[in-house]
Amino acid sequence: MVFALTAGSLFLCALLLKPFIPALTGSLLIVTMTQPLAKRLRQIFSHRTTAAAVATVIVALCIIVPAAFILRMVAMQALGGLQLLQDAAWLDKLQHLIDQIRSYLSLRGIPLMGNDLPQIIKTGAGFLGSTFLTLVSGSVEAFTQIVVMLCLLFFWYRDSDDLLAHLRKTSPLNSGEERLFVKYFKRTIRASVVGRLWIAAIQGFLAWIAFAALGVPGAVLLANLTSVCALIPAFGAFLVWLPVVGYLLAIHAWTRAVILFTIGFFLLSTVDNLLYPFFVGARAHLHTAKMLLSVFGGLWLFGISGLVLGPLVWVTTELLVAICMRRASRDESRNAGDTL
């Protein structure tokens, strides 16, 4: 009976925490990466509450607020490009160009799929536009996530010693297993952050090559902006190259627009999904196949937070299984010795 009540309570707690998975993931990443800052502030300020408040303010001003501002600014700029993609005038011109290509290929016996590409683009742009409008409007949900993240950071900076002492007291792991667990935990989180930075840099470099080769003005600036936006998983690079495609269409550079759209859709916006398992898996000492499964499984289960939580859950499970097997092997050896 007690076991059933405990399991039910844990399930309810999981449901309570589910809406705040992004805030929990963000605070976990920031805490892991800002530990040196927190230790330094504790040496400067004798009072733990003061040190925690200063650390939280620094993180908010240097990380969270700029990130939210950049995301909002990029979303507003992307809205302009998406509105252009819904413009009836250039959609008609695009349809005319597609009809010409289809006629040219049909004369040579080459079939071409008859999908209504302009309508697909218009529909997709409308959907993405509504998504970006949610970001720009500063929804209550996003504000709540930020507030919860800041609260979690403050309480961790202030009460981390007490929390860790409580965890050690209630943990079924011995001291050696706990150190191994913390080591793998930190390594996986840091691998996720460093891997994301490297991939964003690669996406920016590829974008610079594409923009420069197509003669797009301000290729270096756009490439740097791509690197910053690529830190946003899944659709970050899209926020830069799609408005550039709209610009090329506006100046009637049809061929360059089609080439850039192809490069952006099939390379710039997908290369991160291919590179992430390789970069993060190598740093987390996790096989590429396992990393691939954990990343895409995490994305399916947790959303964007799954980029971190997926590998973290996999590494934690592997470590716990290894600990259980080691204990079982140790018990077998001990029983064999007692028998002898």
Protein backbone atom coordinates (compact mmCIF):
# COMPACT_ATOMS: atom_id res chain seq x y z
CA MET A 1 0.00 0.00 0.00
CA VAL A 2 2.78 2.39 0.94
CA PHE A 3 4.62 1.57 -2.28
CA ALA A 4 1.50 2.34 -4.36
CA LEU A 5 0.97 5.66 -2.58
CA THR A 6 4.63 6.57 -3.10
CA ALA A 7 4.48 5.70 -6.80
CA GLY A 8 1.27 7.72 -7.20
CA SER A 9 2.80 10.70 -5.42
CA LEU A 10 5.91 10.55 -7.63
CA PHE A 11 3.70 10.44 -10.71
CA LEU A 12 1.76 13.50 -9.54
CA CYS A 13 5.01 15.33 -8.82
CA ALA A 14 6.19 14.54 -12.35
CA LEU A 15 2.96 16.02 -13.73
CA LEU A 16 3.48 19.13 -11.60
CA LEU A 17 7.00 19.59 -12.94
CA LYS A 18 6.19 18.84 -16.59
CA PRO A 19 5.11 22.42 -17.49
CA PHE A 20 8.43 23.74 -16.17
CA ILE A 21 10.80 21.41 -18.04
CA PRO A 22 12.29 24.32 -20.06
CA ALA A 23 12.94 26.31 -16.88
CA LEU A 24 14.43 23.29 -15.12
CA THR A 25 16.68 22.51 -18.09
CA GLY A 26 17.82 26.09 -18.45
CA SER A 27 18.63 26.46 -14.76
CA LEU A 28 20.49 23.13 -14.82
CA LEU A 29 22.67 24.30 -17.70
CA ILE A 30 23.35 27.72 -16.17
CA VAL A 31 24.15 26.31 -12.72
CA THR A 32 26.63 23.82 -14.16
CA MET A 33 28.39 26.43 -16.28
CA THR A 34 28.45 29.17 -13.60
CA GLN A 35 29.77 27.20 -10.65
CA PRO A 36 33.10 29.08 -10.61
CA LEU A 37 31.21 32.39 -10.46
CA ALA A 38 29.06 31.20 -7.56
CA LYS A 39 32.11 29.97 -5.59
CA ARG A 40 33.94 33.25 -6.16
CA LEU A 41 30.97 35.32 -4.95
CA ARG A 42 30.70 33.18 -1.82
CA GLN A 43 34.28 34.07 -1.03
CA ILE A 44 33.54 37.77 -1.49
CA PHE A 45 30.21 37.91 0.38
CA SER A 46 30.01 36.21 3.75
CA HIS A 47 26.21 36.08 3.71
CA ARG A 48 24.88 33.29 1.47
CA THR A 49 21.68 35.13 0.55
CA THR A 50 23.61 38.18 -0.64
CA ALA A 51 26.00 36.05 -2.72
CA ALA A 52 23.09 34.15 -4.26
CA ALA A 53 21.20 37.34 -5.09
CA VAL A 54 24.26 38.90 -6.74
CA ALA A 55 24.93 35.73 -8.74
CA THR A 56 21.30 35.57 -9.91
CA VAL A 57 21.33 39.22 -10.97
CA ILE A 58 24.59 38.73 -12.89
CA VAL A 59 23.19 35.69 -14.69
CA ALA A 60 19.95 37.50 -15.47
CA LEU A 61 21.71 40.58 -16.87
CA CYS A 62 24.46 38.72 -18.75
CA ILE A 63 22.66 35.61 -20.01
CA ILE A 64 18.88 35.44 -19.65
CA VAL A 65 17.86 39.02 -20.52
CA PRO A 66 20.20 39.31 -23.55
CA ALA A 67 19.08 35.90 -24.81
CA ALA A 68 15.41 36.86 -24.51
CA PHE A 69 16.09 40.22 -26.21
CA ILE A 70 17.99 38.60 -29.10
CA LEU A 71 15.26 36.00 -29.57
CA ARG A 72 12.59 38.69 -29.62
CA MET A 73 14.57 40.90 -32.02
CA VAL A 74 15.31 38.04 -34.42
CA ALA A 75 11.67 36.95 -34.36
CA MET A 76 10.55 40.47 -35.27
CA GLN A 77 13.00 40.59 -38.17
CA ALA A 78 11.90 37.15 -39.36
CA LEU A 79 8.29 38.31 -39.41
CA GLY A 80 9.19 40.75 -42.19
CA GLY A 81 10.58 37.94 -44.32
CA LEU A 82 7.58 35.72 -43.61
CA GLN A 83 5.16 38.47 -44.58
CA LEU A 84 7.05 38.85 -47.85
CA LEU A 85 6.65 35.12 -48.49
CA GLN A 86 2.88 35.57 -48.17
CA ASP A 87 2.77 38.48 -50.63
CA ALA A 88 0.49 37.62 -53.57
CA ALA A 89 2.57 39.49 -56.16
CA TRP A 90 5.79 37.56 -55.78
CA LEU A 91 3.91 34.28 -55.24
CA ASP A 92 2.38 34.79 -58.69
CA LYS A 93 5.84 35.45 -60.11
CA LEU A 94 7.16 32.32 -58.42
CA GLN A 95 4.31 30.27 -59.87
CA HIS A 96 5.08 31.71 -63.32
CA LEU A 97 8.75 30.71 -62.92
CA ILE A 98 7.76 27.19 -61.85
CA ASP A 99 5.43 26.88 -64.85
CA GLN A 100 8.27 27.88 -67.16
CA ILE A 101 10.61 25.32 -65.59
CA ARG A 102 7.93 22.64 -65.85
CA SER A 103 7.31 23.44 -69.51
CA TYR A 104 11.04 23.39 -70.26
CA LEU A 105 11.50 20.01 -68.58
CA SER A 106 8.36 18.47 -70.09
CA LEU A 107 9.64 19.26 -73.60
CA ARG A 108 12.66 17.12 -72.77
CA GLY A 109 10.61 14.30 -71.30
CA ILE A 110 11.60 15.03 -67.70
CA PRO A 111 8.63 14.77 -65.31
CA LEU A 112 8.24 17.26 -62.47
CA MET A 113 6.05 16.88 -59.42
CA GLY A 114 2.93 18.96 -59.63
CA ASN A 115 2.87 20.23 -56.04
CA ASP A 116 1.59 23.76 -55.59
CA LEU A 117 4.86 25.14 -54.17
CA PRO A 118 3.70 28.77 -53.75
CA GLN A 119 0.68 27.65 -51.74
CA ILE A 120 2.88 25.39 -49.60
CA ILE A 121 5.26 28.30 -48.93
CA LYS A 122 2.36 30.63 -48.12
CA THR A 123 0.82 28.13 -45.69
CA GLY A 124 4.15 27.38 -44.02
CA ALA A 125 4.96 31.07 -43.71
CA GLY A 126 1.58 31.68 -42.09
CA PHE A 127 2.16 28.94 -39.52
CA LEU A 128 5.68 30.14 -38.70
CA GLY A 129 4.46 33.71 -38.57
CA SER A 130 1.91 32.83 -35.88
CA THR A 131 4.66 31.05 -33.94
CA PHE A 132 6.94 34.10 -34.09
CA LEU A 133 4.08 36.38 -33.11
CA THR A 134 3.75 34.35 -29.92
CA LEU A 135 7.45 34.95 -29.22
CA VAL A 136 7.21 38.65 -29.99
CA SER A 137 4.10 39.21 -27.92
CA GLY A 138 5.93 38.08 -24.79
CA SER A 139 3.45 35.46 -23.63
CA VAL A 140 2.68 34.79 -19.99
CA GLU A 141 4.08 31.28 -20.37
CA ALA A 142 7.52 32.53 -21.47
CA PHE A 143 7.58 35.10 -18.65
CA THR A 144 6.63 32.39 -16.14
CA GLN A 145 9.45 30.13 -17.37
CA ILE A 146 11.99 32.94 -16.90
CA VAL A 147 10.72 33.77 -13.40
CA VAL A 148 10.81 30.10 -12.36
CA MET A 149 14.32 29.75 -13.79
CA LEU A 150 15.58 32.76 -11.84
CA CYS A 151 13.97 31.48 -8.62
CA LEU A 152 15.58 28.07 -9.07
CA LEU A 153 18.96 29.68 -9.72
CA PHE A 154 18.69 31.82 -6.59
CA PHE A 155 17.74 28.92 -4.32
CA TRP A 156 20.45 26.71 -5.77
CA TYR A 157 23.14 29.37 -5.32
CA ARG A 158 21.98 29.96 -1.74
CA ASP A 159 21.13 26.45 -0.54
CA SER A 160 23.29 24.19 -2.72
CA ASP A 161 25.35 22.95 0.24
CA ASP A 162 22.25 21.96 2.19
CA LEU A 163 20.64 20.36 -0.87
CA LEU A 164 23.75 18.33 -1.69
CA ALA A 165 24.10 17.23 1.94
CA HIS A 166 20.48 16.08 1.95
CA LEU A 167 20.97 14.21 -1.33
CA ARG A 168 24.09 12.46 0.00
CA LYS A 169 22.22 11.49 3.15
CA THR A 170 19.27 9.98 1.29
CA SER A 171 21.20 8.64 -1.73
CA PRO A 172 21.54 4.85 -2.06
CA LEU A 173 24.95 5.38 -3.69
CA ASN A 174 28.24 5.26 -1.81
CA SER A 175 30.74 8.12 -1.95
CA GLY A 176 32.71 6.67 -4.88
CA GLU A 177 29.56 6.08 -6.92
CA GLU A 178 28.33 9.59 -6.12
CA ARG A 179 31.58 11.14 -7.39
CA LEU A 180 31.36 9.07 -10.56
CA PHE A 181 27.72 10.10 -11.02
CA VAL A 182 28.51 13.82 -10.61
CA LYS A 183 31.47 13.51 -13.00
CA TYR A 184 29.35 11.99 -15.78
CA PHE A 185 26.52 14.43 -15.07
CA LYS A 186 28.71 17.53 -15.43
CA ARG A 187 30.54 16.13 -18.45
CA THR A 188 27.29 15.50 -20.33
CA ILE A 189 25.91 18.96 -19.61
CA ARG A 190 29.13 20.72 -20.57
CA ALA A 191 29.35 18.61 -23.72
CA SER A 192 25.85 19.75 -24.67
CA VAL A 193 26.72 23.43 -24.22
CA VAL A 194 30.15 23.29 -25.92
CA GLY A 195 28.78 21.12 -28.72
CA ARG A 196 25.99 23.59 -29.40
CA LEU A 197 28.52 26.47 -29.61
CA TRP A 198 30.71 24.56 -32.08
CA ILE A 199 27.75 23.63 -34.25
CA ALA A 200 26.52 27.23 -34.28
CA ALA A 201 29.98 28.34 -35.43
CA ILE A 202 29.95 25.74 -38.24
CA GLN A 203 26.49 26.85 -39.35
CA GLY A 204 27.69 30.45 -39.44
CA PHE A 205 30.71 29.46 -41.53
CA LEU A 206 28.57 27.53 -44.01
CA ALA A 207 26.17 30.46 -44.19
CA TRP A 208 29.06 32.83 -44.95
CA ILE A 209 30.17 30.59 -47.83
CA ALA A 210 26.63 30.50 -49.22
CA PHE A 211 25.99 34.23 -48.87
CA ALA A 212 29.39 35.20 -50.29
CA ALA A 213 29.11 32.80 -53.22
CA LEU A 214 25.67 34.17 -54.11
CA GLY A 215 26.80 37.78 -53.83
CA VAL A 216 24.52 38.68 -50.92
CA PRO A 217 25.45 42.08 -49.40
CA GLY A 218 26.76 41.93 -45.83
CA ALA A 219 27.67 38.24 -45.98
CA VAL A 220 29.98 38.46 -42.94
CA LEU A 221 27.35 40.20 -40.81
CA LEU A 222 24.66 37.74 -41.87
CA ALA A 223 26.99 34.81 -41.12
CA ASN A 224 27.65 36.12 -37.60
CA LEU A 225 23.91 36.60 -37.10
CA THR A 226 23.38 33.02 -38.28
CA SER A 227 25.84 31.76 -35.66
CA VAL A 228 23.96 33.62 -32.92
CA CYS A 229 20.54 32.47 -34.11
CA ALA A 230 21.80 28.90 -34.57
CA LEU A 231 22.11 28.69 -30.78
CA ILE A 232 18.33 28.35 -30.91
CA PRO A 233 17.85 24.66 -31.72
CA ALA A 234 15.80 23.36 -34.65
CA PHE A 235 14.97 26.62 -36.49
CA GLY A 236 17.67 29.14 -35.52
CA ALA A 237 19.48 29.42 -38.88
CA PHE A 238 16.11 29.62 -40.64
CA LEU A 239 15.55 33.04 -39.03
CA VAL A 240 18.41 34.48 -41.12
CA TRP A 241 18.50 32.74 -44.48
CA LEU A 242 14.74 32.84 -45.13
CA PRO A 243 14.49 36.67 -44.97
CA VAL A 244 17.55 36.79 -47.27
CA VAL A 245 15.65 34.57 -49.72
CA GLY A 246 12.79 37.05 -49.49
CA TYR A 247 15.20 39.90 -50.22
CA LEU A 248 16.55 38.10 -53.30
CA LEU A 249 13.02 37.49 -54.53
CA ALA A 250 12.15 41.14 -53.97
CA ILE A 251 15.00 42.22 -56.26
CA HIS A 252 13.98 39.56 -58.81
CA ALA A 253 17.15 37.47 -58.30
CA TRP A 254 15.14 34.30 -58.88
CA THR A 255 17.99 31.89 -59.50
CA ARG A 256 19.98 32.99 -56.45
CA ALA A 257 16.83 32.85 -54.32
CA VAL A 258 16.08 29.27 -55.36
CA ILE A 259 19.70 28.22 -54.76
CA LEU A 260 19.80 29.85 -51.32
CA PHE A 261 16.45 28.32 -50.37
CA THR A 262 17.74 24.89 -51.33
CA ILE A 263 20.99 25.36 -49.41
CA GLY A 264 19.20 26.78 -46.40
CA PHE A 265 16.50 24.12 -46.25
CA PHE A 266 18.67 21.07 -46.91
CA LEU A 267 21.96 22.21 -45.30
CA LEU A 268 21.93 25.23 -43.01
CA SER A 269 18.78 24.23 -41.11
CA THR A 270 19.48 20.49 -40.95
CA VAL A 271 23.24 20.21 -40.43
CA ASP A 272 22.87 20.87 -36.70
CA ASN A 273 20.69 17.77 -36.27
CA LEU A 274 23.36 15.69 -38.01
CA LEU A 275 26.38 17.19 -36.23
CA TYR A 276 24.94 17.39 -32.71
CA PRO A 277 25.21 13.65 -31.94
CA PHE A 278 28.81 13.57 -33.22
CA PHE A 279 30.06 16.65 -31.35
CA VAL A 280 28.21 16.07 -28.09
CA GLY A 281 28.59 12.28 -28.16
CA ALA A 282 32.39 12.49 -28.45
CA ARG A 283 32.67 14.93 -25.55
CA ALA A 284 30.19 13.00 -23.41
CA HIS A 285 31.99 9.70 -24.21
CA LEU A 286 28.74 8.34 -25.64
CA HIS A 287 28.61 6.26 -28.83
CA THR A 288 27.24 8.14 -31.84
CA ALA A 289 24.32 5.73 -32.30
CA LYS A 290 23.33 6.09 -28.65
CA MET A 291 23.71 9.86 -28.87
CA LEU A 292 21.56 9.96 -31.98
CA LEU A 293 18.79 7.96 -30.35
CA SER A 294 18.93 9.94 -27.11
CA VAL A 295 18.86 13.32 -28.88
CA PHE A 296 15.95 12.57 -31.22
CA GLY A 297 14.11 10.64 -28.52
CA GLY A 298 14.62 13.55 -26.15
CA LEU A 299 13.33 16.01 -28.75
CA TRP A 300 10.22 13.88 -29.25
CA LEU A 301 9.59 13.46 -25.52
CA PHE A 302 10.68 16.81 -24.02
CA GLY A 303 10.76 19.21 -26.98
CA ILE A 304 13.80 21.47 -27.35
CA SER A 305 14.83 20.66 -23.76
CA GLY A 306 15.40 17.09 -24.97
CA LEU A 307 18.68 18.18 -26.59
CA VAL A 308 20.08 18.18 -23.05
CA LEU A 309 17.69 15.92 -21.15
CA GLY A 310 17.82 13.09 -23.71
CA PRO A 311 21.59 12.45 -23.46
CA LEU A 312 21.47 13.13 -19.72
CA VAL A 313 18.79 10.49 -19.15
CA TRP A 314 20.69 7.99 -21.31
CA VAL A 315 24.02 8.56 -19.54
CA THR A 316 22.37 8.39 -16.12
CA THR A 317 20.61 5.13 -16.98
CA GLU A 318 23.81 3.54 -18.31
CA LEU A 319 25.68 4.59 -15.18
CA LEU A 320 23.02 3.25 -12.82
CA VAL A 321 22.90 -0.06 -14.71
CA ALA A 322 26.71 -0.30 -14.50
CA ILE A 323 26.59 0.36 -10.75
CA CYS A 324 23.92 -2.31 -10.25
CA MET A 325 25.91 -4.85 -12.26
CA ARG A 326 29.10 -4.03 -10.33
CA ARG A 327 27.28 -4.50 -7.03
CA ALA A 328 25.77 -7.78 -8.22
CA SER A 329 29.19 -9.02 -9.32
CA ARG A 330 30.68 -7.98 -5.98
CA ASP A 331 27.93 -9.83 -4.09
CA GLU A 332 28.50 -12.96 -6.19
CA SER A 333 32.22 -12.88 -5.46
CA ARG A 334 31.55 -12.41 -1.79
CA ASN A 335 29.07 -15.30 -1.68
CA ALA A 336 31.53 -17.53 -3.56
CA GLY A 337 34.23 -16.64 -1.03
CA ASP A 338 31.92 -17.43 1.87
CA THR A 339 31.07 -20.78 0.28
CA LEU A 340 34.76 -21.67 -0.02
